[in-house]
Amino acid sequence: MKKQPFMIPIYAELIRLGRYANSEEEKTEGQKVVPAIYREDVAMHLAEHAEG
């Protein structure tokens, strides 16, 4: 899978909405997991754009 940079903020928003988790350990019932190739970048994006 080739990493598409425009998907990083999309996955981050899906995590904020509770539809995705960033790892299998964080996953709850009904959530999908962000593809491994994106996890580090999505975590950085969430940290950089954290509210509060």
PDB file of N, CA and C in Angstrom:
ATOM      1  N   MET A   1       0.848  -1.175   0.000  1.00  0.00           N
ATOM      2  CA  MET A   1       0.000   0.000   0.000  1.00  0.00           C
ATOM      3  C   MET A   1       0.897   1.243   0.000  1.00  0.00           C
ATOM      4  N   LYS A   2       0.608   2.155  -0.873  1.00  0.00           N
ATOM      5  CA  LYS A   2       1.342   3.405  -0.936  1.00  0.00           C
ATOM      6  C   LYS A   2       0.654   4.419  -0.018  1.00  0.00           C
ATOM      7  N   LYS A   3       1.458   5.135   0.753  1.00  0.00           N
ATOM      8  CA  LYS A   3       0.912   6.131   1.672  1.00  0.00           C
ATOM      9  C   LYS A   3       0.493   7.387   0.902  1.00  0.00           C
ATOM     10  N   GLN A   4      -0.736   7.792   1.111  1.00  0.00           N
ATOM     11  CA  GLN A   4      -1.271   9.007   0.503  1.00  0.00           C
ATOM     12  C   GLN A   4      -1.351  10.084   1.594  1.00  0.00           C
ATOM     13  N   PRO A   5      -0.557  11.145   1.510  1.00  0.00           N
ATOM     14  CA  PRO A   5      -0.517  12.156   2.570  1.00  0.00           C
ATOM     15  C   PRO A   5      -1.876  12.779   2.909  1.00  0.00           C
ATOM     16  N   PHE A   6      -2.765  12.890   1.938  1.00  0.00           N
ATOM     17  CA  PHE A   6      -4.064  13.501   2.214  1.00  0.00           C
ATOM     18  C   PHE A   6      -4.927  12.635   3.136  1.00  0.00           C
ATOM     19  N   MET A   7      -4.563  11.366   3.305  1.00  0.00           N
ATOM     20  CA  MET A   7      -5.340  10.471   4.165  1.00  0.00           C
ATOM     21  C   MET A   7      -5.024  10.652   5.650  1.00  0.00           C
ATOM     22  N   ILE A   8      -3.891  11.259   5.974  1.00  0.00           N
ATOM     23  CA  ILE A   8      -3.491  11.408   7.376  1.00  0.00           C
ATOM     24  C   ILE A   8      -4.525  12.211   8.163  1.00  0.00           C
ATOM     25  N   PRO A   9      -4.912  13.419   7.732  1.00  0.00           N
ATOM     26  CA  PRO A   9      -5.938  14.136   8.505  1.00  0.00           C
ATOM     27  C   PRO A   9      -7.311  13.466   8.447  1.00  0.00           C
ATOM     28  N   ILE A  10      -7.577  12.721   7.403  1.00  0.00           N
ATOM     29  CA  ILE A  10      -8.856  12.008   7.312  1.00  0.00           C
ATOM     30  C   ILE A  10      -8.908  10.909   8.364  1.00  0.00           C
ATOM     31  N   TYR A  11      -7.861  10.112   8.469  1.00  0.00           N
ATOM     32  CA  TYR A  11      -7.825   9.076   9.503  1.00  0.00           C
ATOM     33  C   TYR A  11      -7.859   9.708  10.895  1.00  0.00           C
ATOM     34  N   ALA A  12      -7.175  10.822  11.074  1.00  0.00           N
ATOM     35  CA  ALA A  12      -7.192  11.500  12.375  1.00  0.00           C
ATOM     36  C   ALA A  12      -8.615  11.918  12.746  1.00  0.00           C
ATOM     37  N   GLU A  13      -9.348  12.450  11.808  1.00  0.00           N
ATOM     38  CA  GLU A  13     -10.727  12.854  12.078  1.00  0.00           C
ATOM     39  C   GLU A  13     -11.608  11.638  12.368  1.00  0.00           C
ATOM     40  N   LEU A  14     -11.392  10.552  11.661  1.00  0.00           N
ATOM     41  CA  LEU A  14     -12.157   9.337  11.925  1.00  0.00           C
ATOM     42  C   LEU A  14     -11.872   8.791  13.320  1.00  0.00           C
ATOM     43  N   ILE A  15     -10.647   8.961  13.807  1.00  0.00           N
ATOM     44  CA  ILE A  15     -10.321   8.577  15.181  1.00  0.00           C
ATOM     45  C   ILE A  15     -11.059   9.489  16.152  1.00  0.00           C
ATOM     46  N   ARG A  16     -11.028  10.792  15.908  1.00  0.00           N
ATOM     47  CA  ARG A  16     -11.746  11.742  16.774  1.00  0.00           C
ATOM     48  C   ARG A  16     -13.241  11.425  16.844  1.00  0.00           C
ATOM     49  N   LEU A  17     -13.804  10.970  15.731  1.00  0.00           N
ATOM     50  CA  LEU A  17     -15.229  10.641  15.672  1.00  0.00           C
ATOM     51  C   LEU A  17     -15.540   9.268  16.282  1.00  0.00           C
ATOM     52  N   GLY A  18     -14.511   8.502  16.592  1.00  0.00           N
ATOM     53  CA  GLY A  18     -14.707   7.196  17.207  1.00  0.00           C
ATOM     54  C   GLY A  18     -14.970   6.070  16.233  1.00  0.00           C
ATOM     55  N   ARG A  19     -14.764   6.305  14.972  1.00  0.00           N
ATOM     56  CA  ARG A  19     -15.009   5.263  13.963  1.00  0.00           C
ATOM     57  C   ARG A  19     -13.782   4.391  13.729  1.00  0.00           C
ATOM     58  N   TYR A  20     -12.605   4.933  14.011  1.00  0.00           N
ATOM     59  CA  TYR A  20     -11.351   4.203  13.841  1.00  0.00           C
ATOM     60  C   TYR A  20     -10.547   4.283  15.132  1.00  0.00           C
ATOM     61  N   ALA A  21      -9.627   3.342  15.309  1.00  0.00           N
ATOM     62  CA  ALA A  21      -8.640   3.358  16.384  1.00  0.00           C
ATOM     63  C   ALA A  21      -7.270   3.343  15.725  1.00  0.00           C
ATOM     64  N   ASN A  22      -6.260   3.823  16.446  1.00  0.00           N
ATOM     65  CA  ASN A  22      -4.926   3.892  15.861  1.00  0.00           C
ATOM     66  C   ASN A  22      -4.125   2.611  16.085  1.00  0.00           C
ATOM     67  N   SER A  23      -4.670   1.663  16.853  1.00  0.00           N
ATOM     68  CA  SER A  23      -3.999   0.376  17.043  1.00  0.00           C
ATOM     69  C   SER A  23      -5.020  -0.668  17.455  1.00  0.00           C
ATOM     70  N   GLU A  24      -4.626  -1.920  17.357  1.00  0.00           N
ATOM     71  CA  GLU A  24      -5.506  -3.015  17.777  1.00  0.00           C
ATOM     72  C   GLU A  24      -5.811  -2.919  19.270  1.00  0.00           C
ATOM     73  N   GLU A  25      -4.842  -2.453  20.070  1.00  0.00           N
ATOM     74  CA  GLU A  25      -5.018  -2.353  21.514  1.00  0.00           C
ATOM     75  C   GLU A  25      -6.071  -1.301  21.890  1.00  0.00           C
ATOM     76  N   GLU A  26      -6.190  -0.260  21.096  1.00  0.00           N
ATOM     77  CA  GLU A  26      -7.146   0.824  21.368  1.00  0.00           C
ATOM     78  C   GLU A  26      -8.533   0.528  20.811  1.00  0.00           C
ATOM     79  N   LYS A  27      -8.609  -0.459  19.966  1.00  0.00           N
ATOM     80  CA  LYS A  27      -9.839  -0.771  19.243  1.00  0.00           C
ATOM     81  C   LYS A  27     -10.946  -1.231  20.193  1.00  0.00           C
ATOM     82  N   THR A  28     -12.147  -0.717  19.970  1.00  0.00           N
ATOM     83  CA  THR A  28     -13.323  -1.191  20.675  1.00  0.00           C
ATOM     84  C   THR A  28     -14.274  -1.797  19.652  1.00  0.00           C
ATOM     85  N   GLU A  29     -15.323  -2.386  20.127  1.00  0.00           N
ATOM     86  CA  GLU A  29     -16.262  -3.049  19.221  1.00  0.00           C
ATOM     87  C   GLU A  29     -16.820  -2.073  18.197  1.00  0.00           C
ATOM     88  N   GLY A  30     -16.812  -2.462  16.952  1.00  0.00           N
ATOM     89  CA  GLY A  30     -17.352  -1.645  15.882  1.00  0.00           C
ATOM     90  C   GLY A  30     -16.356  -0.699  15.242  1.00  0.00           C
ATOM     91  N   GLN A  31     -15.159  -0.596  15.789  1.00  0.00           N
ATOM     92  CA  GLN A  31     -14.152   0.288  15.207  1.00  0.00           C
ATOM     93  C   GLN A  31     -13.254  -0.470  14.240  1.00  0.00           C
ATOM     94  N   LYS A  32     -12.783   0.244  13.256  1.00  0.00           N
ATOM     95  CA  LYS A  32     -11.755  -0.268  12.358  1.00  0.00           C
ATOM     96  C   LYS A  32     -10.420   0.270  12.849  1.00  0.00           C
ATOM     97  N   VAL A  33      -9.343  -0.269  12.322  1.00  0.00           N
ATOM     98  CA  VAL A  33      -8.000   0.159  12.724  1.00  0.00           C
ATOM     99  C   VAL A  33      -7.308   0.826  11.541  1.00  0.00           C
ATOM    100  N   VAL A  34      -6.646   1.944  11.818  1.00  0.00           N
ATOM    101  CA  VAL A  34      -5.886   2.666  10.803  1.00  0.00           C
ATOM    102  C   VAL A  34      -4.808   1.729  10.253  1.00  0.00           C
ATOM    103  N   PRO A  35      -4.609   1.710   8.944  1.00  0.00           N
ATOM    104  CA  PRO A  35      -3.544   0.871   8.378  1.00  0.00           C
ATOM    105  C   PRO A  35      -2.183   1.200   8.993  1.00  0.00           C
ATOM    106  N   ALA A  36      -1.372   0.178   9.197  1.00  0.00           N
ATOM    107  CA  ALA A  36      -0.082   0.323   9.883  1.00  0.00           C
ATOM    108  C   ALA A  36       0.798   1.407   9.263  1.00  0.00           C
ATOM    109  N   ILE A  37       0.772   1.556   7.966  1.00  0.00           N
ATOM    110  CA  ILE A  37       1.632   2.533   7.284  1.00  0.00           C
ATOM    111  C   ILE A  37       1.313   3.972   7.702  1.00  0.00           C
ATOM    112  N   TYR A  38       0.106   4.218   8.199  1.00  0.00           N
ATOM    113  CA  TYR A  38      -0.324   5.561   8.572  1.00  0.00           C
ATOM    114  C   TYR A  38      -0.246   5.846  10.071  1.00  0.00           C
ATOM    115  N   ARG A  39      -0.110   4.841  10.902  1.00  0.00           N
ATOM    116  CA  ARG A  39      -0.287   5.008  12.351  1.00  0.00           C
ATOM    117  C   ARG A  39       0.604   6.068  12.982  1.00  0.00           C
ATOM    118  N   GLU A  40       1.882   6.049  12.677  1.00  0.00           N
ATOM    119  CA  GLU A  40       2.798   7.023  13.278  1.00  0.00           C
ATOM    120  C   GLU A  40       2.442   8.446  12.839  1.00  0.00           C
ATOM    121  N   ASP A  41       2.191   8.628  11.552  1.00  0.00           N
ATOM    122  CA  ASP A  41       1.855   9.959  11.037  1.00  0.00           C
ATOM    123  C   ASP A  41       0.523  10.466  11.604  1.00  0.00           C
ATOM    124  N   VAL A  42      -0.449   9.575  11.745  1.00  0.00           N
ATOM    125  CA  VAL A  42      -1.745   9.966  12.299  1.00  0.00           C
ATOM    126  C   VAL A  42      -1.591  10.357  13.769  1.00  0.00           C
ATOM    127  N   ALA A  43      -0.799   9.600  14.516  1.00  0.00           N
ATOM    128  CA  ALA A  43      -0.559   9.935  15.921  1.00  0.00           C
ATOM    129  C   ALA A  43       0.111  11.297  16.052  1.00  0.00           C
ATOM    130  N   MET A  44       1.076  11.587  15.189  1.00  0.00           N
ATOM    131  CA  MET A  44       1.736  12.898  15.204  1.00  0.00           C
ATOM    132  C   MET A  44       0.756  13.996  14.854  1.00  0.00           C
ATOM    133  N   HIS A  45      -0.089  13.758  13.862  1.00  0.00           N
ATOM    134  CA  HIS A  45      -1.089  14.742  13.452  1.00  0.00           C
ATOM    135  C   HIS A  45      -2.052  15.032  14.601  1.00  0.00           C
ATOM    136  N   LEU A  46      -2.497  13.984  15.296  1.00  0.00           N
ATOM    137  CA  LEU A  46      -3.408  14.179  16.416  1.00  0.00           C
ATOM    138  C   LEU A  46      -2.731  14.976  17.521  1.00  0.00           C
ATOM    139  N   ALA A  47      -1.465  14.688  17.811  1.00  0.00           N
ATOM    140  CA  ALA A  47      -0.745  15.406  18.852  1.00  0.00           C
ATOM    141  C   ALA A  47      -0.540  16.877  18.485  1.00  0.00           C
ATOM    142  N   GLU A  48      -0.226  17.139  17.222  1.00  0.00           N
ATOM    143  CA  GLU A  48       0.010  18.512  16.777  1.00  0.00           C
ATOM    144  C   GLU A  48      -1.266  19.342  16.739  1.00  0.00           C
ATOM    145  N   HIS A  49      -2.402  18.697  16.541  1.00  0.00           N
ATOM    146  CA  HIS A  49      -3.662  19.408  16.397  1.00  0.00           C
ATOM    147  C   HIS A  49      -4.606  19.135  17.554  1.00  0.00           C
ATOM    148  N   ALA A  50      -4.054  18.791  18.711  1.00  0.00           N
ATOM    149  CA  ALA A  50      -4.878  18.505  19.889  1.00  0.00           C
ATOM    150  C   ALA A  50      -5.538  19.801  20.368  1.00  0.00           C
ATOM    151  N   GLU A  51      -6.788  19.671  20.724  1.00  0.00           N
ATOM    152  CA  GLU A  51      -7.523  20.833  21.249  1.00  0.00           C
ATOM    153  C   GLU A  51      -7.369  20.848  22.762  1.00  0.00           C
ATOM    154  N   GLY A  52      -7.114  22.046  23.289  1.00  0.00           N
ATOM    155  CA  GLY A  52      -7.051  22.192  24.749  1.00  0.00           C
ATOM    156  C   GLY A  52      -5.742  21.906  25.244  1.00  0.00           C
TER     157      GLY A  52
END
